[in-house]
């Protein structure tokens, strides 16, 4: 199961780290720009601090992979909205034979609160 839509309407999202091109590492440890396997378009990443709108609940920093370049003008602390956020569970065996599992987060894009996409 992949690309499960997630409802973040009860959360405020603030930029924790300015968005940039998503980078990966090859087997030799060299960095490269991550691209979409089908389209070849660059992927971007944004670290956001998500805080529940329910008083007293703690927040958490979450990294989202973005399908599109969010553009300029995003600054730390800025309140933003994710366009079509989704999550994808994953599981694989690493080089030591251990199973690694988790959830990755992604979105079509990012926009300042109140802006149209």
PDB file of N, CA and C in Angstrom:
ATOM      1  N   UNK A   1       0.855  -1.176   0.000  1.00  0.00           N
ATOM      2  CA  UNK A   1       0.000   0.000   0.000  1.00  0.00           C
ATOM      3  C   UNK A   1       0.895   1.230   0.000  1.00  0.00           C
ATOM      4  N   UNK A   2       0.645   2.121  -0.941  1.00  0.00           N
ATOM      5  CA  UNK A   2       1.463   3.325  -1.046  1.00  0.00           C
ATOM      6  C   UNK A   2       0.572   4.551  -1.227  1.00  0.00           C
ATOM      7  N   UNK A   3       1.144   5.690  -0.935  1.00  0.00           N
ATOM      8  CA  UNK A   3       0.483   6.971  -1.163  1.00  0.00           C
ATOM      9  C   UNK A   3      -0.893   7.066  -0.514  1.00  0.00           C
ATOM     10  N   UNK A   4      -0.921   6.873   0.789  1.00  0.00           N
ATOM     11  CA  UNK A   4      -2.152   6.986   1.564  1.00  0.00           C
ATOM     12  C   UNK A   4      -2.352   8.464   1.909  1.00  0.00           C
ATOM     13  N   UNK A   5      -3.452   9.082   1.471  1.00  0.00           N
ATOM     14  CA  UNK A   5      -3.683  10.491   1.803  1.00  0.00           C
ATOM     15  C   UNK A   5      -3.727  10.679   3.324  1.00  0.00           C
ATOM     16  N   UNK A   6      -3.183  11.783   3.802  1.00  0.00           N
ATOM     17  CA  UNK A   6      -3.258  12.055   5.239  1.00  0.00           C
ATOM     18  C   UNK A   6      -3.854  13.440   5.475  1.00  0.00           C
ATOM     19  N   UNK A   7      -4.722  13.493   6.445  1.00  0.00           N
ATOM     20  CA  UNK A   7      -5.427  14.725   6.794  1.00  0.00           C
ATOM     21  C   UNK A   7      -4.649  15.442   7.894  1.00  0.00           C
ATOM     22  N   UNK A   8      -4.076  16.568   7.568  1.00  0.00           N
ATOM     23  CA  UNK A   8      -3.301  17.341   8.537  1.00  0.00           C
ATOM     24  C   UNK A   8      -4.023  18.628   8.935  1.00  0.00           C
ATOM     25  N   UNK A   9      -5.350  18.662   8.738  1.00  0.00           N
ATOM     26  CA  UNK A   9      -6.108  19.880   9.007  1.00  0.00           C
ATOM     27  C   UNK A   9      -6.122  20.263  10.486  1.00  0.00           C
ATOM     28  N   UNK A  10      -5.831  19.330  11.384  1.00  0.00           N
ATOM     29  CA  UNK A  10      -5.790  19.647  12.815  1.00  0.00           C
ATOM     30  C   UNK A  10      -4.384  19.978  13.291  1.00  0.00           C
ATOM     31  N   UNK A  11      -3.492  20.278  12.344  1.00  0.00           N
ATOM     32  CA  UNK A  11      -2.108  20.603  12.671  1.00  0.00           C
ATOM     33  C   UNK A  11      -1.706  21.928  12.031  1.00  0.00           C
ATOM     34  N   UNK A  12      -0.840  22.640  12.730  1.00  0.00           N
ATOM     35  CA  UNK A  12      -0.197  23.817  12.163  1.00  0.00           C
ATOM     36  C   UNK A  12       1.193  23.382  11.742  1.00  0.00           C
ATOM     37  N   UNK A  13       1.580  23.714  10.512  1.00  0.00           N
ATOM     38  CA  UNK A  13       2.896  23.345   9.983  1.00  0.00           C
ATOM     39  C   UNK A  13       3.757  24.589   9.857  1.00  0.00           C
ATOM     40  N   UNK A  14       4.933  24.548  10.459  1.00  0.00           N
ATOM     41  CA  UNK A  14       5.897  25.647  10.370  1.00  0.00           C
ATOM     42  C   UNK A  14       7.187  25.123   9.749  1.00  0.00           C
ATOM     43  N   UNK A  15       7.802  25.939   8.927  1.00  0.00           N
ATOM     44  CA  UNK A  15       9.063  25.564   8.304  1.00  0.00           C
ATOM     45  C   UNK A  15      10.132  25.455   9.389  1.00  0.00           C
ATOM     46  N   UNK A  16      10.729  24.259   9.508  1.00  0.00           N
ATOM     47  CA  UNK A  16      11.826  24.040  10.463  1.00  0.00           C
ATOM     48  C   UNK A  16      13.174  24.182   9.766  1.00  0.00           C
ATOM     49  N   UNK A  17      13.201  23.860   8.475  1.00  0.00           N
ATOM     50  CA  UNK A  17      14.415  23.985   7.655  1.00  0.00           C
ATOM     51  C   UNK A  17      13.976  24.397   6.260  1.00  0.00           C
ATOM     52  N   UNK A  18      14.616  25.395   5.700  1.00  0.00           N
ATOM     53  CA  UNK A  18      14.242  25.917   4.386  1.00  0.00           C
ATOM     54  C   UNK A  18      14.264  24.788   3.352  1.00  0.00           C
ATOM     55  N   UNK A  19      13.204  24.661   2.520  1.00  0.00           N
ATOM     56  CA  UNK A  19      13.152  23.588   1.518  1.00  0.00           C
ATOM     57  C   UNK A  19      14.311  23.659   0.528  1.00  0.00           C
ATOM     58  N   UNK A  20      14.715  22.481   0.059  1.00  0.00           N
ATOM     59  CA  UNK A  20      15.793  22.402  -0.920  1.00  0.00           C
ATOM     60  C   UNK A  20      15.691  21.133  -1.740  1.00  0.00           C
ATOM     61  N   UNK A  21      16.619  20.957  -2.666  1.00  0.00           N
ATOM     62  CA  UNK A  21      16.647  19.757  -3.501  1.00  0.00           C
ATOM     63  C   UNK A  21      16.961  18.558  -2.618  1.00  0.00           C
ATOM     64  N   UNK A  22      16.256  17.456  -2.823  1.00  0.00           N
ATOM     65  CA  UNK A  22      16.482  16.231  -2.057  1.00  0.00           C
ATOM     66  C   UNK A  22      17.758  15.564  -2.572  1.00  0.00           C
ATOM     67  N   UNK A  23      18.635  15.197  -1.628  1.00  0.00           N
ATOM     68  CA  UNK A  23      19.905  14.570  -1.974  1.00  0.00           C
ATOM     69  C   UNK A  23      19.937  13.137  -1.451  1.00  0.00           C
ATOM     70  N   UNK A  24      20.587  12.261  -2.210  1.00  0.00           N
ATOM     71  CA  UNK A  24      20.790  10.874  -1.806  1.00  0.00           C
ATOM     72  C   UNK A  24      22.268  10.555  -1.891  1.00  0.00           C
ATOM     73  N   UNK A  25      22.641   9.316  -1.489  1.00  0.00           N
ATOM     74  CA  UNK A  25      24.028   8.879  -1.582  1.00  0.00           C
ATOM     75  C   UNK A  25      24.073   7.541  -2.300  1.00  0.00           C
ATOM     76  N   UNK A  26      25.058   7.389  -3.179  1.00  0.00           N
ATOM     77  CA  UNK A  26      25.231   6.113  -3.875  1.00  0.00           C
ATOM     78  C   UNK A  26      26.085   5.171  -3.020  1.00  0.00           C
ATOM     79  N   UNK A  27      26.396   3.985  -3.559  1.00  0.00           N
ATOM     80  CA  UNK A  27      27.140   2.971  -2.817  1.00  0.00           C
ATOM     81  C   UNK A  27      28.529   3.439  -2.395  1.00  0.00           C
ATOM     82  N   UNK A  28      29.107   4.377  -3.153  1.00  0.00           N
ATOM     83  CA  UNK A  28      30.435   4.908  -2.822  1.00  0.00           C
ATOM     84  C   UNK A  28      30.362   6.126  -1.895  1.00  0.00           C
ATOM     85  N   UNK A  29      29.167   6.501  -1.472  1.00  0.00           N
ATOM     86  CA  UNK A  29      29.002   7.635  -0.570  1.00  0.00           C
ATOM     87  C   UNK A  29      28.943   8.987  -1.253  1.00  0.00           C
ATOM     88  N   UNK A  30      28.876   8.993  -2.591  1.00  0.00           N
ATOM     89  CA  UNK A  30      28.790  10.258  -3.325  1.00  0.00           C
ATOM     90  C   UNK A  30      27.340  10.746  -3.338  1.00  0.00           C
ATOM     91  N   UNK A  31      27.164  12.050  -3.141  1.00  0.00           N
ATOM     92  CA  UNK A  31      25.822  12.634  -3.147  1.00  0.00           C
ATOM     93  C   UNK A  31      25.321  12.847  -4.567  1.00  0.00           C
ATOM     94  N   UNK A  32      24.003  12.714  -4.728  1.00  0.00           N
ATOM     95  CA  UNK A  32      23.363  12.985  -6.017  1.00  0.00           C
ATOM     96  C   UNK A  32      21.976  13.559  -5.760  1.00  0.00           C
ATOM     97  N   UNK A  33      21.440  14.281  -6.747  1.00  0.00           N
ATOM     98  CA  UNK A  33      20.092  14.831  -6.645  1.00  0.00           C
ATOM     99  C   UNK A  33      19.087  13.718  -6.908  1.00  0.00           C
ATOM    100  N   UNK A  34      18.105  13.596  -6.041  1.00  0.00           N
ATOM    101  CA  UNK A  34      17.066  12.574  -6.188  1.00  0.00           C
ATOM    102  C   UNK A  34      16.053  13.055  -7.219  1.00  0.00           C
ATOM    103  N   UNK A  35      15.679  12.158  -8.134  1.00  0.00           N
ATOM    104  CA  UNK A  35      14.696  12.492  -9.167  1.00  0.00           C
ATOM    105  C   UNK A  35      13.572  11.463  -9.169  1.00  0.00           C
ATOM    106  N   UNK A  36      12.446  11.854  -9.742  1.00  0.00           N
ATOM    107  CA  UNK A  36      11.314  10.953  -9.907  1.00  0.00           C
ATOM    108  C   UNK A  36      11.694   9.878 -10.920  1.00  0.00           C
ATOM    109  N   UNK A  37      11.454   8.631 -10.596  1.00  0.00           N
ATOM    110  CA  UNK A  37      11.847   7.516 -11.474  1.00  0.00           C
ATOM    111  C   UNK A  37      11.124   7.536 -12.816  1.00  0.00           C
ATOM    112  N   UNK A  38       9.905   8.059 -12.844  1.00  0.00           N
ATOM    113  CA  UNK A  38       9.127   8.065 -14.083  1.00  0.00           C
ATOM    114  C   UNK A  38       9.344   9.324 -14.921  1.00  0.00           C
ATOM    115  N   UNK A  39       9.377  10.474 -14.259  1.00  0.00           N
ATOM    116  CA  UNK A  39       9.444  11.733 -15.006  1.00  0.00           C
ATOM    117  C   UNK A  39      10.855  12.321 -15.102  1.00  0.00           C
ATOM    118  N   UNK A  40      11.745  11.913 -14.214  1.00  0.00           N
ATOM    119  CA  UNK A  40      13.088  12.478 -14.187  1.00  0.00           C
ATOM    120  C   UNK A  40      13.162  13.842 -13.516  1.00  0.00           C
ATOM    121  N   UNK A  41      12.021  14.349 -13.024  1.00  0.00           N
ATOM    122  CA  UNK A  41      11.997  15.660 -12.355  1.00  0.00           C
ATOM    123  C   UNK A  41      12.654  15.568 -10.981  1.00  0.00           C
ATOM    124  N   UNK A  42      13.351  16.655 -10.588  1.00  0.00           N
ATOM    125  CA  UNK A  42      13.980  16.708  -9.271  1.00  0.00           C
ATOM    126  C   UNK A  42      12.921  16.632  -8.172  1.00  0.00           C
ATOM    127  N   UNK A  43      13.294  15.991  -7.062  1.00  0.00           N
ATOM    128  CA  UNK A  43      12.476  15.977  -5.861  1.00  0.00           C
ATOM    129  C   UNK A  43      13.046  17.003  -4.894  1.00  0.00           C
ATOM    130  N   UNK A  44      12.204  17.532  -4.041  1.00  0.00           N
ATOM    131  CA  UNK A  44      12.605  18.520  -3.051  1.00  0.00           C
ATOM    132  C   UNK A  44      12.227  17.997  -1.679  1.00  0.00           C
ATOM    133  N   UNK A  45      12.785  18.582  -0.643  1.00  0.00           N
ATOM    134  CA  UNK A  45      12.487  18.151   0.712  1.00  0.00           C
ATOM    135  C   UNK A  45      12.261  19.376   1.590  1.00  0.00           C
ATOM    136  N   UNK A  46      11.302  19.247   2.495  1.00  0.00           N
ATOM    137  CA  UNK A  46      11.011  20.314   3.451  1.00  0.00           C
ATOM    138  C   UNK A  46      10.869  19.695   4.836  1.00  0.00           C
ATOM    139  N   UNK A  47      11.564  20.262   5.811  1.00  0.00           N
ATOM    140  CA  UNK A  47      11.408  19.854   7.207  1.00  0.00           C
ATOM    141  C   UNK A  47      10.403  20.802   7.836  1.00  0.00           C
ATOM    142  N   UNK A  48       9.333  20.218   8.357  1.00  0.00           N
ATOM    143  CA  UNK A  48       8.266  21.020   8.955  1.00  0.00           C
ATOM    144  C   UNK A  48       8.054  20.599  10.403  1.00  0.00           C
ATOM    145  N   UNK A  49       7.734  21.571  11.240  1.00  0.00           N
ATOM    146  CA  UNK A  49       7.359  21.269  12.610  1.00  0.00           C
ATOM    147  C   UNK A  49       5.838  21.241  12.643  1.00  0.00           C
ATOM    148  N   UNK A  50       5.270  20.054  12.896  1.00  0.00           N
ATOM    149  CA  UNK A  50       3.819  19.890  12.958  1.00  0.00           C
ATOM    150  C   UNK A  50       3.377  19.934  14.411  1.00  0.00           C
ATOM    151  N   UNK A  51       2.455  20.830  14.706  1.00  0.00           N
ATOM    152  CA  UNK A  51       1.929  20.984  16.067  1.00  0.00           C
ATOM    153  C   UNK A  51       0.425  20.844  16.021  1.00  0.00           C
ATOM    154  N   UNK A  52      -0.087  19.965  16.861  1.00  0.00           N
ATOM    155  CA  UNK A  52      -1.531  19.762  16.935  1.00  0.00           C
ATOM    156  C   UNK A  52      -2.212  21.048  17.383  1.00  0.00           C
ATOM    157  N   UNK A  53      -3.408  21.288  16.848  1.00  0.00           N
ATOM    158  CA  UNK A  53      -4.190  22.454  17.268  1.00  0.00           C
ATOM    159  C   UNK A  53      -4.901  22.179  18.583  1.00  0.00           C
ATOM    160  N   UNK A  54      -4.788  20.954  19.089  1.00  0.00           N
ATOM    161  CA  UNK A  54      -5.371  20.588  20.383  1.00  0.00           C
ATOM    162  C   UNK A  54      -4.393  21.041  21.469  1.00  0.00           C
ATOM    163  N   UNK A  55      -4.862  21.854  22.344  1.00  0.00           N
ATOM    164  CA  UNK A  55      -4.012  22.434  23.383  1.00  0.00           C
ATOM    165  C   UNK A  55      -3.365  21.339  24.233  1.00  0.00           C
ATOM    166  N   UNK A  56      -2.067  21.505  24.492  1.00  0.00           N
ATOM    167  CA  UNK A  56      -1.352  20.593  25.378  1.00  0.00           C
ATOM    168  C   UNK A  56      -0.617  19.458  24.678  1.00  0.00           C
ATOM    169  N   UNK A  57      -0.927  19.210  23.419  1.00  0.00           N
ATOM    170  CA  UNK A  57      -0.238  18.135  22.700  1.00  0.00           C
ATOM    171  C   UNK A  57       1.080  18.658  22.152  1.00  0.00           C
ATOM    172  N   UNK A  58       2.095  17.787  22.171  1.00  0.00           N
ATOM    173  CA  UNK A  58       3.415  18.170  21.695  1.00  0.00           C
ATOM    174  C   UNK A  58       3.485  18.066  20.176  1.00  0.00           C
ATOM    175  N   UNK A  59       4.437  18.779  19.586  1.00  0.00           N
ATOM    176  CA  UNK A  59       4.647  18.745  18.150  1.00  0.00           C
ATOM    177  C   UNK A  59       5.821  17.852  17.791  1.00  0.00           C
ATOM    178  N   UNK A  60       6.047  17.732  16.491  1.00  0.00           N
ATOM    179  CA  UNK A  60       7.140  16.896  16.005  1.00  0.00           C
ATOM    180  C   UNK A  60       7.640  17.407  14.659  1.00  0.00           C
ATOM    181  N   UNK A  61       8.950  17.307  14.451  1.00  0.00           N
ATOM    182  CA  UNK A  61       9.523  17.682  13.167  1.00  0.00           C
ATOM    183  C   UNK A  61       9.419  16.501  12.212  1.00  0.00           C
ATOM    184  N   UNK A  62       8.890  16.766  11.002  1.00  0.00           N
ATOM    185  CA  UNK A  62       8.688  15.722   9.996  1.00  0.00           C
ATOM    186  C   UNK A  62       9.248  16.220   8.668  1.00  0.00           C
ATOM    187  N   UNK A  63       9.978  15.346   7.966  1.00  0.00           N
ATOM    188  CA  UNK A  63      10.523  15.681   6.641  1.00  0.00           C
ATOM    189  C   UNK A  63       9.562  15.173   5.570  1.00  0.00           C
ATOM    190  N   UNK A  64       9.191  16.068   4.660  1.00  0.00           N
ATOM    191  CA  UNK A  64       8.313  15.730   3.555  1.00  0.00           C
ATOM    192  C   UNK A  64       9.079  15.839   2.243  1.00  0.00           C
ATOM    193  N   UNK A  65       8.965  14.816   1.386  1.00  0.00           N
ATOM    194  CA  UNK A  65       9.484  14.885   0.032  1.00  0.00           C
ATOM    195  C   UNK A  65       8.424  15.587  -0.805  1.00  0.00           C
ATOM    196  N   UNK A  66       8.843  16.579  -1.578  1.00  0.00           N
ATOM    197  CA  UNK A  66       7.920  17.356  -2.403  1.00  0.00           C
ATOM    198  C   UNK A  66       8.109  17.000  -3.868  1.00  0.00           C
ATOM    199  N   UNK A  67       6.994  16.810  -4.581  1.00  0.00           N
ATOM    200  CA  UNK A  67       7.034  16.485  -6.007  1.00  0.00           C
ATOM    201  C   UNK A  67       7.437  17.665  -6.868  1.00  0.00           C
ATOM    202  N   UNK A  68       7.221  18.879  -6.369  1.00  0.00           N
ATOM    203  CA  UNK A  68       7.479  20.081  -7.160  1.00  0.00           C
ATOM    204  C   UNK A  68       8.358  21.048  -6.375  1.00  0.00           C
ATOM    205  N   UNK A  69       9.084  21.875  -7.097  1.00  0.00           N
ATOM    206  CA  UNK A  69       9.893  22.916  -6.490  1.00  0.00           C
ATOM    207  C   UNK A  69       8.954  23.886  -5.766  1.00  0.00           C
ATOM    208  N   UNK A  70       9.124  24.067  -4.457  1.00  0.00           N
ATOM    209  CA  UNK A  70       8.228  24.969  -3.735  1.00  0.00           C
ATOM    210  C   UNK A  70       8.473  26.436  -4.063  1.00  0.00           C
ATOM    211  N   UNK A  71       9.613  26.733  -4.699  1.00  0.00           N
ATOM    212  CA  UNK A  71       9.927  28.111  -5.035  1.00  0.00           C
ATOM    213  C   UNK A  71      10.646  28.824  -3.903  1.00  0.00           C
ATOM    214  N   UNK A  72      10.856  30.094  -4.090  1.00  0.00           N
ATOM    215  CA  UNK A  72      11.590  30.922  -3.127  1.00  0.00           C
ATOM    216  C   UNK A  72      10.633  31.506  -2.088  1.00  0.00           C
ATOM    217  N   UNK A  73      11.219  32.084  -1.055  1.00  0.00           N
ATOM    218  CA  UNK A  73      10.435  32.847  -0.086  1.00  0.00           C
ATOM    219  C   UNK A  73      10.054  32.106   1.177  1.00  0.00           C
ATOM    220  N   UNK A  74      10.436  30.841   1.304  1.00  0.00           N
ATOM    221  CA  UNK A  74      10.121  30.108   2.529  1.00  0.00           C
ATOM    222  C   UNK A  74      11.227  30.341   3.543  1.00  0.00           C
ATOM    223  N   UNK A  75      10.838  30.698   4.758  1.00  0.00           N
ATOM    224  CA  UNK A  75      11.793  30.989   5.820  1.00  0.00           C
ATOM    225  C   UNK A  75      11.445  30.176   7.058  1.00  0.00           C
ATOM    226  N   UNK A  76      12.455  29.939   7.907  1.00  0.00           N
ATOM    227  CA  UNK A  76      12.220  29.209   9.154  1.00  0.00           C
ATOM    228  C   UNK A  76      11.134  29.912   9.960  1.00  0.00           C
ATOM    229  N   UNK A  77      10.212  29.122  10.500  1.00  0.00           N
ATOM    230  CA  UNK A  77       9.137  29.653  11.325  1.00  0.00           C
ATOM    231  C   UNK A  77       7.881  30.025  10.564  1.00  0.00           C
ATOM    232  N   UNK A  78       7.963  30.104   9.227  1.00  0.00           N
ATOM    233  CA  UNK A  78       6.809  30.472   8.405  1.00  0.00           C
ATOM    234  C   UNK A  78       5.735  29.382   8.488  1.00  0.00           C
ATOM    235  N   UNK A  79       4.479  29.793   8.622  1.00  0.00           N
ATOM    236  CA  UNK A  79       3.367  28.834   8.629  1.00  0.00           C
ATOM    237  C   UNK A  79       3.024  28.498   7.181  1.00  0.00           C
ATOM    238  N   UNK A  80       2.926  27.190   6.904  1.00  0.00           N
ATOM    239  CA  UNK A  80       2.693  26.719   5.536  1.00  0.00           C
ATOM    240  C   UNK A  80       1.614  25.633   5.520  1.00  0.00           C
ATOM    241  N   UNK A  81       1.167  25.319   4.303  1.00  0.00           N
ATOM    242  CA  UNK A  81       0.245  24.205   4.077  1.00  0.00           C
ATOM    243  C   UNK A  81       0.889  23.256   3.081  1.00  0.00           C
ATOM    244  N   UNK A  82       0.631  21.985   3.265  1.00  0.00           N
ATOM    245  CA  UNK A  82       1.078  20.978   2.301  1.00  0.00           C
ATOM    246  C   UNK A  82      -0.032  20.752   1.293  1.00  0.00           C
ATOM    247  N   UNK A  83       0.323  20.623   0.026  1.00  0.00           N
ATOM    248  CA  UNK A  83      -0.634  20.339  -1.034  1.00  0.00           C
ATOM    249  C   UNK A  83      -0.675  18.824  -1.211  1.00  0.00           C
ATOM    250  N   UNK A  84      -1.841  18.232  -0.991  1.00  0.00           N
ATOM    251  CA  UNK A  84      -2.067  16.791  -1.151  1.00  0.00           C
ATOM    252  C   UNK A  84      -1.042  15.949  -0.392  1.00  0.00           C
ATOM    253  N   UNK A  85      -0.968  16.094   0.947  1.00  0.00           N
ATOM    254  CA  UNK A  85      -0.015  15.274   1.706  1.00  0.00           C
ATOM    255  C   UNK A  85      -0.407  13.799   1.693  1.00  0.00           C
ATOM    256  N   UNK A  86       0.629  12.951   1.754  1.00  0.00           N
ATOM    257  CA  UNK A  86       0.398  11.503   1.749  1.00  0.00           C
ATOM    258  C   UNK A  86       1.522  10.823   2.518  1.00  0.00           C
ATOM    259  N   UNK A  87       1.273   9.578   2.895  1.00  0.00           N
ATOM    260  CA  UNK A  87       2.301   8.790   3.573  1.00  0.00           C
ATOM    261  C   UNK A  87       2.382   7.419   2.920  1.00  0.00           C
ATOM    262  N   UNK A  88       3.567   6.820   3.006  1.00  0.00           N
ATOM    263  CA  UNK A  88       3.787   5.506   2.408  1.00  0.00           C
ATOM    264  C   UNK A  88       4.585   4.644   3.378  1.00  0.00           C
ATOM    265  N   UNK A  89       4.011   3.517   3.801  1.00  0.00           N
ATOM    266  CA  UNK A  89       4.790   2.607   4.648  1.00  0.00           C
ATOM    267  C   UNK A  89       5.850   1.898   3.806  1.00  0.00           C
ATOM    268  N   UNK A  90       6.973   1.557   4.442  1.00  0.00           N
ATOM    269  CA  UNK A  90       8.025   0.817   3.732  1.00  0.00           C
ATOM    270  C   UNK A  90       8.647  -0.212   4.668  1.00  0.00           C
ATOM    271  N   UNK A  91       9.277  -1.210   4.069  1.00  0.00           N
ATOM    272  CA  UNK A  91      10.001  -2.235   4.804  1.00  0.00           C
ATOM    273  C   UNK A  91      11.018  -2.857   3.855  1.00  0.00           C
ATOM    274  N   UNK A  92      12.261  -3.004   4.319  1.00  0.00           N
ATOM    275  CA  UNK A  92      13.302  -3.631   3.497  1.00  0.00           C
ATOM    276  C   UNK A  92      14.372  -4.223   4.401  1.00  0.00           C
ATOM    277  N   UNK A  93      15.194  -5.088   3.845  1.00  0.00           N
ATOM    278  CA  UNK A  93      16.336  -5.661   4.570  1.00  0.00           C
ATOM    279  C   UNK A  93      17.562  -4.820   4.243  1.00  0.00           C
ATOM    280  N   UNK A  94      18.287  -4.405   5.274  1.00  0.00           N
ATOM    281  CA  UNK A  94      19.499  -3.619   5.044  1.00  0.00           C
ATOM    282  C   UNK A  94      20.684  -4.549   4.784  1.00  0.00           C
ATOM    283  N   UNK A  95      21.863  -3.992   4.635  1.00  0.00           N
ATOM    284  CA  UNK A  95      23.061  -4.768   4.337  1.00  0.00           C
ATOM    285  C   UNK A  95      23.439  -5.770   5.416  1.00  0.00           C
ATOM    286  N   UNK A  96      22.943  -5.570   6.632  1.00  0.00           N
ATOM    287  CA  UNK A  96      23.215  -6.493   7.731  1.00  0.00           C
ATOM    288  C   UNK A  96      22.139  -7.556   7.879  1.00  0.00           C
ATOM    289  N   UNK A  97      21.166  -7.568   6.957  1.00  0.00           N
ATOM    290  CA  UNK A  97      20.083  -8.538   7.026  1.00  0.00           C
ATOM    291  C   UNK A  97      18.978  -8.168   7.999  1.00  0.00           C
ATOM    292  N   UNK A  98      19.039  -6.956   8.559  1.00  0.00           N
ATOM    293  CA  UNK A  98      18.012  -6.495   9.492  1.00  0.00           C
ATOM    294  C   UNK A  98      16.854  -5.890   8.711  1.00  0.00           C
ATOM    295  N   UNK A  99      15.645  -6.085   9.204  1.00  0.00           N
ATOM    296  CA  UNK A  99      14.484  -5.479   8.580  1.00  0.00           C
ATOM    297  C   UNK A  99      14.321  -4.056   9.097  1.00  0.00           C
ATOM    298  N   UNK A 100      14.217  -3.118   8.174  1.00  0.00           N
ATOM    299  CA  UNK A 100      14.011  -1.704   8.495  1.00  0.00           C
ATOM    300  C   UNK A 100      12.610  -1.342   8.003  1.00  0.00           C
ATOM    301  N   UNK A 101      11.797  -0.791   8.877  1.00  0.00           N
ATOM    302  CA  UNK A 101      10.425  -0.425   8.520  1.00  0.00           C
ATOM    303  C   UNK A 101      10.130   0.987   8.990  1.00  0.00           C
ATOM    304  N   UNK A 102       9.181   1.619   8.336  1.00  0.00           N
ATOM    305  CA  UNK A 102       8.787   2.957   8.742  1.00  0.00           C
ATOM    306  C   UNK A 102       7.740   3.525   7.818  1.00  0.00           C
ATOM    307  N   UNK A 103       7.568   4.825   7.903  1.00  0.00           N
ATOM    308  CA  UNK A 103       6.610   5.543   7.070  1.00  0.00           C
ATOM    309  C   UNK A 103       7.326   6.759   6.501  1.00  0.00           C
ATOM    310  N   UNK A 104       7.205   6.972   5.204  1.00  0.00           N
ATOM    311  CA  UNK A 104       7.750   8.181   4.594  1.00  0.00           C
ATOM    312  C   UNK A 104       6.593   9.122   4.289  1.00  0.00           C
ATOM    313  N   UNK A 105       6.881  10.416   4.315  1.00  0.00           N
ATOM    314  CA  UNK A 105       5.866  11.425   4.076  1.00  0.00           C
ATOM    315  C   UNK A 105       6.215  12.214   2.821  1.00  0.00           C
ATOM    316  N   UNK A 106       5.207  12.566   2.044  1.00  0.00           N
ATOM    317  CA  UNK A 106       5.405  13.317   0.802  1.00  0.00           C
ATOM    318  C   UNK A 106       4.193  14.219   0.568  1.00  0.00           C
ATOM    319  N   UNK A 107       4.338  15.120  -0.396  1.00  0.00           N
ATOM    320  CA  UNK A 107       3.244  16.002  -0.792  1.00  0.00           C
ATOM    321  C   UNK A 107       3.524  16.486  -2.206  1.00  0.00           C
ATOM    322  N   UNK A 108       2.474  16.941  -2.872  1.00  0.00           N
ATOM    323  CA  UNK A 108       2.635  17.501  -4.209  1.00  0.00           C
ATOM    324  C   UNK A 108       3.449  18.784  -4.132  1.00  0.00           C
ATOM    325  N   UNK A 109       3.163  19.613  -3.128  1.00  0.00           N
ATOM    326  CA  UNK A 109       3.864  20.886  -3.007  1.00  0.00           C
ATOM    327  C   UNK A 109       3.670  21.511  -1.649  1.00  0.00           C
ATOM    328  N   UNK A 110       4.142  22.733  -1.532  1.00  0.00           N
ATOM    329  CA  UNK A 110       4.125  23.497  -0.297  1.00  0.00           C
ATOM    330  C   UNK A 110       3.711  24.918  -0.633  1.00  0.00           C
ATOM    331  N   UNK A 111       2.907  25.517   0.221  1.00  0.00           N
ATOM    332  CA  UNK A 111       2.509  26.907  -0.022  1.00  0.00           C
ATOM    333  C   UNK A 111       2.356  27.650   1.301  1.00  0.00           C
ATOM    334  N   UNK A 112       2.613  28.957   1.282  1.00  0.00           N
ATOM    335  CA  UNK A 112       2.384  29.754   2.494  1.00  0.00           C
ATOM    336  C   UNK A 112       0.896  29.727   2.843  1.00  0.00           C
ATOM    337  N   UNK A 113       0.572  29.790   4.104  1.00  0.00           N
ATOM    338  CA  UNK A 113      -0.842  29.801   4.511  1.00  0.00           C
ATOM    339  C   UNK A 113      -1.528  30.996   3.877  1.00  0.00           C
ATOM    340  N   UNK A 114      -2.673  30.744   3.267  1.00  0.00           N
ATOM    341  CA  UNK A 114      -3.443  31.798   2.628  1.00  0.00           C
ATOM    342  C   UNK A 114      -3.126  31.978   1.149  1.00  0.00           C
ATOM    343  N   UNK A 115      -2.106  31.302   0.631  1.00  0.00           N
ATOM    344  CA  UNK A 115      -1.755  31.434  -0.794  1.00  0.00           C
ATOM    345  C   UNK A 115      -2.485  30.368  -1.609  1.00  0.00           C
ATOM    346  N   UNK A 116      -2.679  30.616  -2.891  1.00  0.00           N
ATOM    347  CA  UNK A 116      -3.293  29.600  -3.754  1.00  0.00           C
ATOM    348  C   UNK A 116      -2.191  28.877  -4.501  1.00  0.00           C
ATOM    349  N   UNK A 117      -2.443  27.620  -4.827  1.00  0.00           N
ATOM    350  CA  UNK A 117      -1.409  26.787  -5.490  1.00  0.00           C
ATOM    351  C   UNK A 117      -1.669  26.713  -6.961  1.00  0.00           C
TER     352      UNK A 117
END
